[in-house]
Amino acid sequence: MDEADPAGLSDPSPTTGEHPGGPRHTEEPFPAVAAGVREYLAADTSGHDMHHVWRVFRLTQRFAGELDADSVVVGCAALTHDLHRVLGEDTGCPPAETLPTVTDILSEAGVDSERIDAVCHCVAVHDELGFRGEEPEPETVEAEILRDADNLDAMGAVGVARTFAFGGVHGTPLWDPDGREYSQLYHFEDKLLRLPDELHTEPARNLAADRLAFLERFRERFLDEWHGRR
């Protein structure tokens, strides 16, 4: 058992049922890439852990099949995309700063140089920790798939749970009715409810509709309970 994760809580293998990485998780080079990434993400409690990257992995494999994309590129990109959350200070660093680490992990896993370059592009453009609207544009379908899969995991029931987990780690209040502090409920308005409009692919948009409806219902119920209306 990993010393950095004594409870084994970040182990992607569930007690029962299908592996969260989906049917391709044992195909090369994914096990070796996951092993390299787990060294960094095993102790994360903010919602950017191995469970998250395996959920994103599963979506990328699904979308790759529907969009005729390179399943190895998007799979490796899914596994390595959130290293910027733990390699930087506080909430992380720009994804592009993690590319040397991404390259090392992929090289050790036996990924060829052409695919490494493709994965690095996916990782570099999938997120930007600066101001919203300044994200670099993806230039490949694989980069679009990674960004869409990552954004989908910020929506729905899992997205709600991850939002409040992140807020707990970073000391953000549940809600500030006066708007003086950035709160987790405000994050719904600031980002989560806008995500469907930022998706690139049709398969992702099809999934997003139901997840958006859940976010809207949760926000409404939260406010009702906060004000004692329900």
Protein backbone atom coordinates (compact mmCIF):
# COMPACT_ATOMS: atom_id res chain seq x y z
CA MET A 1 0.00 0.00 0.00
CA ASP A 2 1.28 3.49 -0.90
CA GLU A 3 2.78 5.30 2.12
CA ALA A 4 1.41 8.59 0.79
CA ASP A 5 -2.06 7.07 0.71
CA PRO A 6 -2.24 4.74 3.73
CA ALA A 7 -5.98 4.22 3.48
CA GLY A 8 -5.78 3.21 -0.15
CA LEU A 9 -8.48 5.75 -0.97
CA SER A 10 -6.95 6.76 -4.29
CA ASP A 11 -6.59 3.22 -5.61
CA PRO A 12 -8.60 3.24 -8.86
CA SER A 13 -9.76 -0.35 -8.40
CA PRO A 14 -13.25 -0.46 -6.87
CA THR A 15 -14.29 -3.10 -4.36
CA THR A 16 -16.82 -4.50 -6.79
CA GLY A 17 -17.93 -3.82 -10.34
CA GLU A 18 -16.14 -2.63 -13.44
CA HIS A 19 -12.85 -0.77 -13.21
CA PRO A 20 -13.54 2.99 -13.42
CA GLY A 21 -11.06 3.24 -16.26
CA GLY A 22 -13.33 1.18 -18.49
CA PRO A 23 -12.54 -1.86 -20.64
CA ARG A 24 -9.26 -0.51 -22.10
CA HIS A 25 -7.51 0.33 -18.83
CA THR A 26 -5.25 -2.75 -19.01
CA GLU A 27 -4.08 -2.09 -22.57
CA GLU A 28 -0.54 -0.81 -23.07
CA PRO A 29 0.73 1.78 -22.37
CA PHE A 30 -2.01 2.80 -19.93
CA PRO A 31 -0.97 0.78 -16.84
CA ALA A 32 2.58 2.15 -16.98
CA VAL A 33 1.38 5.72 -17.53
CA ALA A 34 -1.08 5.41 -14.65
CA ALA A 35 1.68 4.12 -12.37
CA GLY A 36 3.81 7.15 -13.18
CA VAL A 37 0.94 9.57 -12.58
CA ARG A 38 -0.24 7.94 -9.36
CA GLU A 39 3.04 8.92 -7.72
CA TYR A 40 1.84 12.52 -7.91
CA LEU A 41 -1.94 12.23 -7.48
CA ALA A 42 -2.31 9.50 -4.85
CA ALA A 43 -2.64 11.87 -1.91
CA ASP A 44 -4.91 14.46 -3.58
CA THR A 45 -8.20 15.20 -1.79
CA SER A 46 -9.36 18.16 -3.90
CA GLY A 47 -11.13 16.13 -6.60
CA HIS A 48 -8.11 15.93 -8.92
CA ASP A 49 -7.10 12.41 -7.91
CA MET A 50 -6.71 9.06 -9.65
CA HIS A 51 -10.46 8.52 -9.56
CA HIS A 52 -10.90 11.72 -11.56
CA VAL A 53 -8.32 10.86 -14.20
CA TRP A 54 -9.79 7.38 -14.66
CA ARG A 55 -13.29 8.84 -15.11
CA VAL A 56 -11.91 11.25 -17.70
CA PHE A 57 -10.03 8.35 -19.28
CA ARG A 58 -13.23 6.36 -19.67
CA LEU A 59 -14.99 9.26 -21.37
CA THR A 60 -12.07 9.89 -23.73
CA GLN A 61 -12.10 6.25 -24.82
CA ARG A 62 -15.83 6.42 -25.45
CA PHE A 63 -15.56 9.64 -27.45
CA ALA A 64 -12.48 8.45 -29.37
CA GLY A 65 -14.49 5.50 -30.66
CA GLU A 66 -17.35 7.75 -31.75
CA LEU A 67 -15.13 10.39 -33.36
CA ASP A 68 -12.44 8.16 -34.88
CA ALA A 69 -9.71 9.72 -32.73
CA ASP A 70 -6.46 8.18 -31.45
CA SER A 71 -7.49 6.29 -28.32
CA VAL A 72 -3.90 6.02 -27.08
CA VAL A 73 -3.31 9.77 -27.32
CA VAL A 74 -6.52 10.72 -25.55
CA GLY A 75 -6.07 7.97 -22.96
CA CYS A 76 -2.55 9.08 -22.08
CA ALA A 77 -3.69 12.69 -22.08
CA ALA A 78 -6.51 11.86 -19.67
CA LEU A 79 -4.12 10.16 -17.26
CA THR A 80 -1.58 13.00 -17.28
CA HIS A 81 -3.76 16.09 -17.70
CA ASP A 82 -4.03 17.14 -14.05
CA LEU A 83 -0.40 17.02 -12.97
CA HIS A 84 -0.50 20.83 -13.01
CA ARG A 85 -2.89 20.68 -10.05
CA VAL A 86 -0.24 19.15 -7.78
CA LEU A 87 3.06 20.34 -9.25
CA GLY A 88 2.30 24.03 -8.74
CA GLU A 89 1.60 25.95 -5.55
CA ASP A 90 -1.87 26.41 -4.06
CA THR A 91 -4.31 25.63 -6.92
CA GLY A 92 -1.58 24.64 -9.34
CA CYS A 93 0.42 25.95 -12.28
CA PRO A 94 -0.29 26.35 -16.02
CA PRO A 95 -0.54 22.89 -17.65
CA ALA A 96 2.24 23.72 -20.11
CA GLU A 97 4.70 23.85 -17.22
CA THR A 98 4.14 20.14 -16.55
CA LEU A 99 5.03 18.97 -20.05
CA PRO A 100 8.58 17.88 -19.14
CA THR A 101 7.12 15.62 -16.45
CA VAL A 102 4.42 14.37 -18.82
CA THR A 103 7.09 13.59 -21.42
CA ASP A 104 9.21 11.68 -18.90
CA ILE A 105 6.25 9.55 -17.77
CA LEU A 106 5.20 8.75 -21.33
CA SER A 107 8.76 7.99 -22.46
CA GLU A 108 9.26 5.58 -19.57
CA ALA A 109 5.97 3.92 -20.53
CA GLY A 110 7.23 3.34 -24.07
CA VAL A 111 5.04 5.88 -25.88
CA ASP A 112 6.48 6.96 -29.23
CA SER A 113 7.63 10.55 -29.79
CA GLU A 114 4.85 11.46 -32.24
CA ARG A 115 2.17 10.48 -29.76
CA ILE A 116 4.03 12.19 -26.92
CA ASP A 117 3.88 15.44 -28.88
CA ALA A 118 0.16 14.93 -29.49
CA VAL A 119 -0.48 14.21 -25.81
CA CYS A 120 1.51 17.28 -24.76
CA HIS A 121 -0.66 19.47 -26.99
CA CYS A 122 -3.80 18.00 -25.40
CA VAL A 123 -2.50 18.63 -21.89
CA ALA A 124 -1.20 22.13 -22.64
CA VAL A 125 -4.51 23.44 -24.00
CA HIS A 126 -7.04 21.58 -21.86
CA ASP A 127 -7.15 24.17 -19.08
CA GLU A 128 -5.79 27.57 -18.15
CA LEU A 129 -5.54 28.77 -14.58
CA GLY A 130 -5.73 32.41 -15.65
CA PHE A 131 -8.83 34.37 -16.57
CA ARG A 132 -11.77 32.54 -18.12
CA GLY A 133 -12.03 32.92 -21.86
CA GLU A 134 -8.27 32.96 -22.33
CA GLU A 135 -7.84 29.21 -22.78
CA PRO A 136 -5.72 28.29 -25.82
CA GLU A 137 -7.73 26.64 -28.56
CA PRO A 138 -7.33 22.89 -29.17
CA GLU A 139 -5.95 22.12 -32.61
CA THR A 140 -6.79 18.41 -32.78
CA VAL A 141 -9.86 16.30 -32.17
CA GLU A 142 -7.93 14.55 -29.39
CA ALA A 143 -7.41 17.87 -27.61
CA GLU A 144 -11.11 18.66 -27.99
CA ILE A 145 -12.02 15.27 -26.54
CA LEU A 146 -9.78 15.71 -23.51
CA ARG A 147 -11.15 19.16 -22.72
CA ASP A 148 -14.73 17.97 -23.12
CA ALA A 149 -14.22 14.88 -20.96
CA ASP A 150 -12.53 16.93 -18.24
CA ASN A 151 -15.33 19.50 -18.27
CA LEU A 152 -18.00 16.81 -18.11
CA ASP A 153 -16.46 15.49 -14.89
CA ALA A 154 -17.03 18.95 -13.41
CA MET A 155 -20.77 18.59 -14.04
CA GLY A 156 -23.54 16.38 -12.70
CA ALA A 157 -23.48 14.65 -9.30
CA VAL A 158 -19.74 14.01 -9.38
CA GLY A 159 -19.15 17.63 -10.36
CA VAL A 160 -21.12 18.82 -7.33
CA ALA A 161 -19.11 16.56 -5.03
CA ARG A 162 -15.81 17.67 -6.53
CA THR A 163 -16.76 21.34 -6.21
CA PHE A 164 -17.32 21.10 -2.48
CA ALA A 165 -14.32 18.83 -1.98
CA PHE A 166 -12.12 21.45 -3.67
CA GLY A 167 -13.67 24.19 -1.56
CA GLY A 168 -13.05 22.24 1.63
CA VAL A 169 -9.39 21.76 0.82
CA HIS A 170 -8.89 25.43 -0.02
CA GLY A 171 -11.08 26.91 2.71
CA THR A 172 -13.74 28.38 0.43
CA PRO A 173 -17.19 28.94 2.01
CA LEU A 174 -20.24 27.02 0.84
CA TRP A 175 -21.94 30.28 -0.06
CA ASP A 176 -21.65 33.96 0.76
CA PRO A 177 -25.10 35.51 0.20
CA ASP A 178 -23.55 38.99 0.30
CA GLY A 179 -21.07 38.14 -2.42
CA ARG A 180 -18.00 39.31 -0.51
CA GLU A 181 -16.19 36.00 -0.87
CA TYR A 182 -15.86 33.58 -3.75
CA SER A 183 -18.02 30.63 -2.67
CA GLN A 184 -18.64 27.13 -3.92
CA LEU A 185 -22.21 27.95 -4.90
CA TYR A 186 -21.02 30.99 -6.82
CA HIS A 187 -18.65 28.64 -8.68
CA PHE A 188 -21.77 27.12 -10.23
CA GLU A 189 -22.63 30.48 -11.82
CA ASP A 190 -19.06 31.46 -12.57
CA LYS A 191 -18.07 28.23 -14.30
CA LEU A 192 -20.06 25.03 -14.03
CA LEU A 193 -23.35 26.22 -15.53
CA ARG A 194 -21.45 27.71 -18.47
CA LEU A 195 -19.53 24.57 -19.37
CA PRO A 196 -22.06 23.12 -21.87
CA ASP A 197 -21.57 26.18 -24.09
CA GLU A 198 -17.81 25.53 -24.13
CA LEU A 199 -17.93 21.91 -25.29
CA HIS A 200 -16.49 21.02 -28.69
CA THR A 201 -17.89 17.59 -29.58
CA GLU A 202 -21.38 16.27 -30.14
CA PRO A 203 -20.99 13.19 -27.87
CA ALA A 204 -20.00 15.48 -24.99
CA ARG A 205 -22.89 17.86 -25.63
CA ASN A 206 -25.30 14.92 -25.55
CA LEU A 207 -24.09 13.93 -22.07
CA ALA A 208 -23.92 17.50 -20.83
CA ALA A 209 -27.65 18.21 -21.09
CA ASP A 210 -28.58 15.80 -18.30
CA ARG A 211 -25.63 16.82 -16.13
CA LEU A 212 -26.51 20.49 -16.52
CA ALA A 213 -30.09 19.80 -15.45
CA PHE A 214 -28.78 18.15 -12.28
CA LEU A 215 -26.56 21.14 -11.49
CA GLU A 216 -29.50 23.50 -11.89
CA ARG A 217 -31.73 21.38 -9.66
CA PHE A 218 -29.05 21.13 -6.99
CA ARG A 219 -28.43 24.88 -6.96
CA GLU A 220 -32.14 25.62 -6.67
CA ARG A 221 -32.57 23.09 -3.84
CA PHE A 222 -29.48 24.45 -2.03
CA LEU A 223 -30.92 27.97 -2.03
CA ASP A 224 -34.35 26.73 -0.93
CA GLU A 225 -32.85 24.90 2.04
CA TRP A 226 -30.50 27.78 2.86
CA HIS A 227 -33.47 30.16 3.15
CA GLY A 228 -35.68 27.59 4.90
CA ARG A 229 -38.17 27.33 2.07
CA ARG A 230 -37.91 23.52 2.00
